[in-house]
Structure formats: structure tokens, C-alpha cells
Amino acid sequence: MPKINGNEIRPGNVLEHDGGLWAAVKVGHVKPGKGGAFAQVEMKNLRDGRKLNERFRSDDKVE
């Protein structure tokens, strides 16, 4: 899988995270007043259906 930046994640993208495949369901880009921007991603596990909320900084590389 190609690696993309955290700010390039879109709903429908499939990500490899914590040893499993996850589909991005909701993505919100947050720019706090202090610190760098990040993407708040709600993901669903493709194998067992678990949901997970994760934050990725804009310079994080995700696969």
C-alpha cells in the first residue's frame, strides 16, 4: 500500500493500522489554536466491524 500524509485521508480510504485493515468512515480536519493541525478519523475494522477514533498529525505517514 502507498503511504499518504495524515491530512490526505478521505472517507472511504482503506488504511493499515495496528496490524489490521480499517476503512475511514468520517474524517475531520482540526486546526487548534496551539499546536499543529491533525485529522480526527473515525475508522471501522473491515474484518470484525469494530470502530476506532484516531488522530493523525498532518505530517504522519499512514499506509
PDB file of N, CA and C in Angstrom:
ATOM      1  N   MET A   1       0.848  -1.185   0.000  1.00  0.00           N
ATOM      2  CA  MET A   1       0.000   0.000   0.000  1.00  0.00           C
ATOM      3  C   MET A   1       0.890   1.244   0.000  1.00  0.00           C
ATOM      4  N   PRO A   2       0.510   2.266  -0.734  1.00  0.00           N
ATOM      5  CA  PRO A   2       1.289   3.508  -0.712  1.00  0.00           C
ATOM      6  C   PRO A   2       1.040   4.278   0.581  1.00  0.00           C
ATOM      7  N   LYS A   3       2.042   5.033   1.001  1.00  0.00           N
ATOM      8  CA  LYS A   3       1.898   5.847   2.206  1.00  0.00           C
ATOM      9  C   LYS A   3       1.413   7.233   1.824  1.00  0.00           C
ATOM     10  N   ILE A   4       0.481   7.759   2.635  1.00  0.00           N
ATOM     11  CA  ILE A   4      -0.036   9.109   2.412  1.00  0.00           C
ATOM     12  C   ILE A   4       0.101   9.898   3.708  1.00  0.00           C
ATOM     13  N   ASN A   5       0.051  11.215   3.607  1.00  0.00           N
ATOM     14  CA  ASN A   5       0.100  12.073   4.789  1.00  0.00           C
ATOM     15  C   ASN A   5      -1.231  12.007   5.531  1.00  0.00           C
ATOM     16  N   GLY A   6      -1.184  12.316   6.815  1.00  0.00           N
ATOM     17  CA  GLY A   6      -2.398  12.285   7.620  1.00  0.00           C
ATOM     18  C   GLY A   6      -3.471  13.244   7.146  1.00  0.00           C
ATOM     19  N   ASN A   7      -3.073  14.363   6.529  1.00  0.00           N
ATOM     20  CA  ASN A   7      -4.068  15.331   6.064  1.00  0.00           C
ATOM     21  C   ASN A   7      -4.665  14.953   4.713  1.00  0.00           C
ATOM     22  N   GLU A   8      -4.221  13.850   4.104  1.00  0.00           N
ATOM     23  CA  GLU A   8      -4.754  13.403   2.814  1.00  0.00           C
ATOM     24  C   GLU A   8      -5.768  12.267   2.957  1.00  0.00           C
ATOM     25  N   ILE A   9      -6.096  11.891   4.192  1.00  0.00           N
ATOM     26  CA  ILE A   9      -7.055  10.811   4.422  1.00  0.00           C
ATOM     27  C   ILE A   9      -8.454  11.315   4.082  1.00  0.00           C
ATOM     28  N   ARG A  10      -9.200  10.505   3.354  1.00  0.00           N
ATOM     29  CA  ARG A  10     -10.561  10.844   2.951  1.00  0.00           C
ATOM     30  C   ARG A  10     -11.496   9.700   3.340  1.00  0.00           C
ATOM     31  N   PRO A  11     -12.792   9.982   3.552  1.00  0.00           N
ATOM     32  CA  PRO A  11     -13.738   8.894   3.818  1.00  0.00           C
ATOM     33  C   PRO A  11     -13.714   7.885   2.676  1.00  0.00           C
ATOM     34  N   GLY A  12     -13.695   6.618   3.030  1.00  0.00           N
ATOM     35  CA  GLY A  12     -13.634   5.557   2.032  1.00  0.00           C
ATOM     36  C   GLY A  12     -12.244   4.994   1.842  1.00  0.00           C
ATOM     37  N   ASN A  13     -11.196   5.726   2.289  1.00  0.00           N
ATOM     38  CA  ASN A  13      -9.838   5.196   2.198  1.00  0.00           C
ATOM     39  C   ASN A  13      -9.700   3.988   3.108  1.00  0.00           C
ATOM     40  N   VAL A  14      -8.930   3.009   2.677  1.00  0.00           N
ATOM     41  CA  VAL A  14      -8.623   1.840   3.499  1.00  0.00           C
ATOM     42  C   VAL A  14      -7.206   2.014   4.020  1.00  0.00           C
ATOM     43  N   LEU A  15      -7.050   1.938   5.349  1.00  0.00           N
ATOM     44  CA  LEU A  15      -5.767   2.159   6.000  1.00  0.00           C
ATOM     45  C   LEU A  15      -5.315   0.896   6.705  1.00  0.00           C
ATOM     46  N   GLU A  16      -4.005   0.683   6.731  1.00  0.00           N
ATOM     47  CA  GLU A  16      -3.438  -0.398   7.532  1.00  0.00           C
ATOM     48  C   GLU A  16      -2.996   0.232   8.844  1.00  0.00           C
ATOM     49  N   HIS A  17      -3.602  -0.200   9.957  1.00  0.00           N
ATOM     50  CA  HIS A  17      -3.339   0.405  11.266  1.00  0.00           C
ATOM     51  C   HIS A  17      -3.416  -0.684  12.327  1.00  0.00           C
ATOM     52  N   ASP A  18      -2.431  -0.746  13.194  1.00  0.00           N
ATOM     53  CA  ASP A  18      -2.377  -1.738  14.281  1.00  0.00           C
ATOM     54  C   ASP A  18      -2.555  -3.164  13.771  1.00  0.00           C
ATOM     55  N   GLY A  19      -1.969  -3.476  12.638  1.00  0.00           N
ATOM     56  CA  GLY A  19      -1.996  -4.844  12.123  1.00  0.00           C
ATOM     57  C   GLY A  19      -3.285  -5.254  11.444  1.00  0.00           C
ATOM     58  N   GLY A  20      -4.211  -4.330  11.222  1.00  0.00           N
ATOM     59  CA  GLY A  20      -5.469  -4.669  10.557  1.00  0.00           C
ATOM     60  C   GLY A  20      -5.807  -3.659   9.480  1.00  0.00           C
ATOM     61  N   LEU A  21      -6.821  -3.974   8.703  1.00  0.00           N
ATOM     62  CA  LEU A  21      -7.289  -3.059   7.667  1.00  0.00           C
ATOM     63  C   LEU A  21      -8.518  -2.317   8.182  1.00  0.00           C
ATOM     64  N   TRP A  22      -8.500  -1.002   8.038  1.00  0.00           N
ATOM     65  CA  TRP A  22      -9.555  -0.139   8.550  1.00  0.00           C
ATOM     66  C   TRP A  22     -10.049   0.770   7.437  1.00  0.00           C
ATOM     67  N   ALA A  23     -11.353   0.983   7.372  1.00  0.00           N
ATOM     68  CA  ALA A  23     -11.944   1.912   6.408  1.00  0.00           C
ATOM     69  C   ALA A  23     -12.249   3.219   7.135  1.00  0.00           C
ATOM     70  N   ALA A  24     -11.830   4.330   6.556  1.00  0.00           N
ATOM     71  CA  ALA A  24     -12.124   5.644   7.128  1.00  0.00           C
ATOM     72  C   ALA A  24     -13.595   5.966   6.870  1.00  0.00           C
ATOM     73  N   VAL A  25     -14.359   6.176   7.951  1.00  0.00           N
ATOM     74  CA  VAL A  25     -15.790   6.456   7.839  1.00  0.00           C
ATOM     75  C   VAL A  25     -16.030   7.966   7.848  1.00  0.00           C
ATOM     76  N   LYS A  26     -15.478   8.643   8.847  1.00  0.00           N
ATOM     77  CA  LYS A  26     -15.605  10.099   8.967  1.00  0.00           C
ATOM     78  C   LYS A  26     -14.215  10.683   9.171  1.00  0.00           C
ATOM     79  N   VAL A  27     -13.968  11.809   8.538  1.00  0.00           N
ATOM     80  CA  VAL A  27     -12.682  12.486   8.679  1.00  0.00           C
ATOM     81  C   VAL A  27     -12.947  13.957   8.949  1.00  0.00           C
ATOM     82  N   GLY A  28     -12.375  14.464  10.027  1.00  0.00           N
ATOM     83  CA  GLY A  28     -12.486  15.883  10.337  1.00  0.00           C
ATOM     84  C   GLY A  28     -11.100  16.478  10.497  1.00  0.00           C
ATOM     85  N   HIS A  29     -10.857  17.592   9.843  1.00  0.00           N
ATOM     86  CA  HIS A  29      -9.570  18.268   9.959  1.00  0.00           C
ATOM     87  C   HIS A  29      -9.696  19.341  11.028  1.00  0.00           C
ATOM     88  N   VAL A  30      -8.803  19.270  12.024  1.00  0.00           N
ATOM     89  CA  VAL A  30      -8.866  20.162  13.174  1.00  0.00           C
ATOM     90  C   VAL A  30      -7.601  21.011  13.202  1.00  0.00           C
ATOM     91  N   LYS A  31      -7.785  22.315  13.374  1.00  0.00           N
ATOM     92  CA  LYS A  31      -6.658  23.245  13.472  1.00  0.00           C
ATOM     93  C   LYS A  31      -6.756  23.957  14.818  1.00  0.00           C
ATOM     94  N   PRO A  32      -6.154  23.390  15.854  1.00  0.00           N
ATOM     95  CA  PRO A  32      -6.244  24.031  17.166  1.00  0.00           C
ATOM     96  C   PRO A  32      -5.438  25.335  17.193  1.00  0.00           C
ATOM     97  N   GLY A  33      -5.765  26.208  18.127  1.00  0.00           N
ATOM     98  CA  GLY A  33      -5.059  27.476  18.236  1.00  0.00           C
ATOM     99  C   GLY A  33      -3.606  27.302  18.619  1.00  0.00           C
ATOM    100  N   LYS A  34      -3.312  26.250  19.354  1.00  0.00           N
ATOM    101  CA  LYS A  34      -1.940  25.993  19.777  1.00  0.00           C
ATOM    102  C   LYS A  34      -1.545  24.612  19.268  1.00  0.00           C
ATOM    103  N   GLY A  35      -0.456  24.525  18.548  1.00  0.00           N
ATOM    104  CA  GLY A  35      -0.002  23.241  18.019  1.00  0.00           C
ATOM    105  C   GLY A  35      -0.367  23.075  16.561  1.00  0.00           C
ATOM    106  N   GLY A  36       0.043  21.948  16.007  1.00  0.00           N
ATOM    107  CA  GLY A  36      -0.183  21.683  14.590  1.00  0.00           C
ATOM    108  C   GLY A  36      -1.547  21.091  14.306  1.00  0.00           C
ATOM    109  N   ALA A  37      -1.921  21.139  13.050  1.00  0.00           N
ATOM    110  CA  ALA A  37      -3.210  20.596  12.618  1.00  0.00           C
ATOM    111  C   ALA A  37      -3.164  19.071  12.617  1.00  0.00           C
ATOM    112  N   PHE A  38      -4.329  18.454  12.741  1.00  0.00           N
ATOM    113  CA  PHE A  38      -4.412  17.000  12.691  1.00  0.00           C
ATOM    114  C   PHE A  38      -5.752  16.587  12.107  1.00  0.00           C
ATOM    115  N   ALA A  39      -5.820  15.333  11.707  1.00  0.00           N
ATOM    116  CA  ALA A  39      -7.058  14.762  11.173  1.00  0.00           C
ATOM    117  C   ALA A  39      -7.637  13.828  12.225  1.00  0.00           C
ATOM    118  N   GLN A  40      -8.896  14.043  12.593  1.00  0.00           N
ATOM    119  CA  GLN A  40      -9.617  13.157  13.502  1.00  0.00           C
ATOM    120  C   GLN A  40     -10.366  12.169  12.622  1.00  0.00           C
ATOM    121  N   VAL A  41     -10.004  10.884  12.700  1.00  0.00           N
ATOM    122  CA  VAL A  41     -10.536   9.879  11.780  1.00  0.00           C
ATOM    123  C   VAL A  41     -11.325   8.832  12.557  1.00  0.00           C
ATOM    124  N   GLU A  42     -12.576   8.613  12.153  1.00  0.00           N
ATOM    125  CA  GLU A  42     -13.366   7.507  12.683  1.00  0.00           C
ATOM    126  C   GLU A  42     -13.210   6.361  11.696  1.00  0.00           C
ATOM    127  N   MET A  43     -12.687   5.230  12.183  1.00  0.00           N
ATOM    128  CA  MET A  43     -12.394   4.093  11.314  1.00  0.00           C
ATOM    129  C   MET A  43     -13.192   2.873  11.738  1.00  0.00           C
ATOM    130  N   LYS A  44     -13.469   2.005  10.770  1.00  0.00           N
ATOM    131  CA  LYS A  44     -14.186   0.760  11.024  1.00  0.00           C
ATOM    132  C   LYS A  44     -13.317  -0.390  10.537  1.00  0.00           C
ATOM    133  N   ASN A  45     -13.131  -1.392  11.403  1.00  0.00           N
ATOM    134  CA  ASN A  45     -12.325  -2.553  11.047  1.00  0.00           C
ATOM    135  C   ASN A  45     -13.063  -3.376  10.005  1.00  0.00           C
ATOM    136  N   LEU A  46     -12.378  -3.713   8.925  1.00  0.00           N
ATOM    137  CA  LEU A  46     -13.023  -4.443   7.835  1.00  0.00           C
ATOM    138  C   LEU A  46     -13.264  -5.906   8.177  1.00  0.00           C
ATOM    139  N   ARG A  47     -12.531  -6.438   9.151  1.00  0.00           N
ATOM    140  CA  ARG A  47     -12.687  -7.853   9.480  1.00  0.00           C
ATOM    141  C   ARG A  47     -13.791  -8.088  10.502  1.00  0.00           C
ATOM    142  N   ASP A  48     -13.790  -7.323  11.593  1.00  0.00           N
ATOM    143  CA  ASP A  48     -14.760  -7.617  12.658  1.00  0.00           C
ATOM    144  C   ASP A  48     -15.744  -6.475  12.943  1.00  0.00           C
ATOM    145  N   GLY A  49     -15.631  -5.347  12.249  1.00  0.00           N
ATOM    146  CA  GLY A  49     -16.612  -4.277  12.389  1.00  0.00           C
ATOM    147  C   GLY A  49     -16.402  -3.338  13.564  1.00  0.00           C
ATOM    148  N   ARG A  50     -15.297  -3.502  14.326  1.00  0.00           N
ATOM    149  CA  ARG A  50     -15.034  -2.596  15.448  1.00  0.00           C
ATOM    150  C   ARG A  50     -14.813  -1.178  14.938  1.00  0.00           C
ATOM    151  N   LYS A  51     -15.154  -0.191  15.770  1.00  0.00           N
ATOM    152  CA  LYS A  51     -14.919   1.208  15.412  1.00  0.00           C
ATOM    153  C   LYS A  51     -13.820   1.768  16.301  1.00  0.00           C
ATOM    154  N   LEU A  52     -13.072   2.717  15.729  1.00  0.00           N
ATOM    155  CA  LEU A  52     -11.946   3.317  16.432  1.00  0.00           C
ATOM    156  C   LEU A  52     -11.825   4.770  16.002  1.00  0.00           C
ATOM    157  N   ASN A  53     -11.617   5.660  16.970  1.00  0.00           N
ATOM    158  CA  ASN A  53     -11.324   7.062  16.665  1.00  0.00           C
ATOM    159  C   ASN A  53      -9.834   7.270  16.870  1.00  0.00           C
ATOM    160  N   GLU A  54      -9.187   7.831  15.881  1.00  0.00           N
ATOM    161  CA  GLU A  54      -7.737   8.019  15.921  1.00  0.00           C
ATOM    162  C   GLU A  54      -7.404   9.403  15.382  1.00  0.00           C
ATOM    163  N   ARG A  55      -6.343   9.995  15.924  1.00  0.00           N
ATOM    164  CA  ARG A  55      -5.862  11.291  15.440  1.00  0.00           C
ATOM    165  C   ARG A  55      -4.542  11.079  14.717  1.00  0.00           C
ATOM    166  N   PHE A  56      -4.425  11.688  13.553  1.00  0.00           N
ATOM    167  CA  PHE A  56      -3.190  11.643  12.781  1.00  0.00           C
ATOM    168  C   PHE A  56      -2.734  13.074  12.536  1.00  0.00           C
ATOM    169  N   ARG A  57      -1.486  13.366  12.898  1.00  0.00           N
ATOM    170  CA  ARG A  57      -0.931  14.686  12.603  1.00  0.00           C
ATOM    171  C   ARG A  57      -0.782  14.836  11.100  1.00  0.00           C
ATOM    172  N   SER A  58      -0.732  16.051  10.626  1.00  0.00           N
ATOM    173  CA  SER A  58      -0.667  16.277   9.181  1.00  0.00           C
ATOM    174  C   SER A  58       0.626  15.761   8.574  1.00  0.00           C
ATOM    175  N   ASP A  59       1.686  15.608   9.374  1.00  0.00           N
ATOM    176  CA  ASP A  59       2.941  15.094   8.826  1.00  0.00           C
ATOM    177  C   ASP A  59       3.130  13.599   9.082  1.00  0.00           C
ATOM    178  N   ASP A  60       2.166  12.932   9.714  1.00  0.00           N
ATOM    179  CA  ASP A  60       2.236  11.478   9.903  1.00  0.00           C
ATOM    180  C   ASP A  60       2.040  10.773   8.571  1.00  0.00           C
ATOM    181  N   LYS A  61       2.773   9.698   8.374  1.00  0.00           N
ATOM    182  CA  LYS A  61       2.598   8.879   7.173  1.00  0.00           C
ATOM    183  C   LYS A  61       1.769   7.658   7.561  1.00  0.00           C
ATOM    184  N   VAL A  62       0.685   7.421   6.841  1.00  0.00           N
ATOM    185  CA  VAL A  62      -0.160   6.249   7.080  1.00  0.00           C
ATOM    186  C   VAL A  62      -0.214   5.424   5.811  1.00  0.00           C
ATOM    187  N   GLU A  63      -0.397   4.128   5.996  1.00  0.00           N
ATOM    188  CA  GLU A  63      -0.394   3.220   4.854  1.00  0.00           C
ATOM    189  C   GLU A  63      -1.772   2.654   4.619  1.00  0.00           C
TER     190      GLU A  63
END
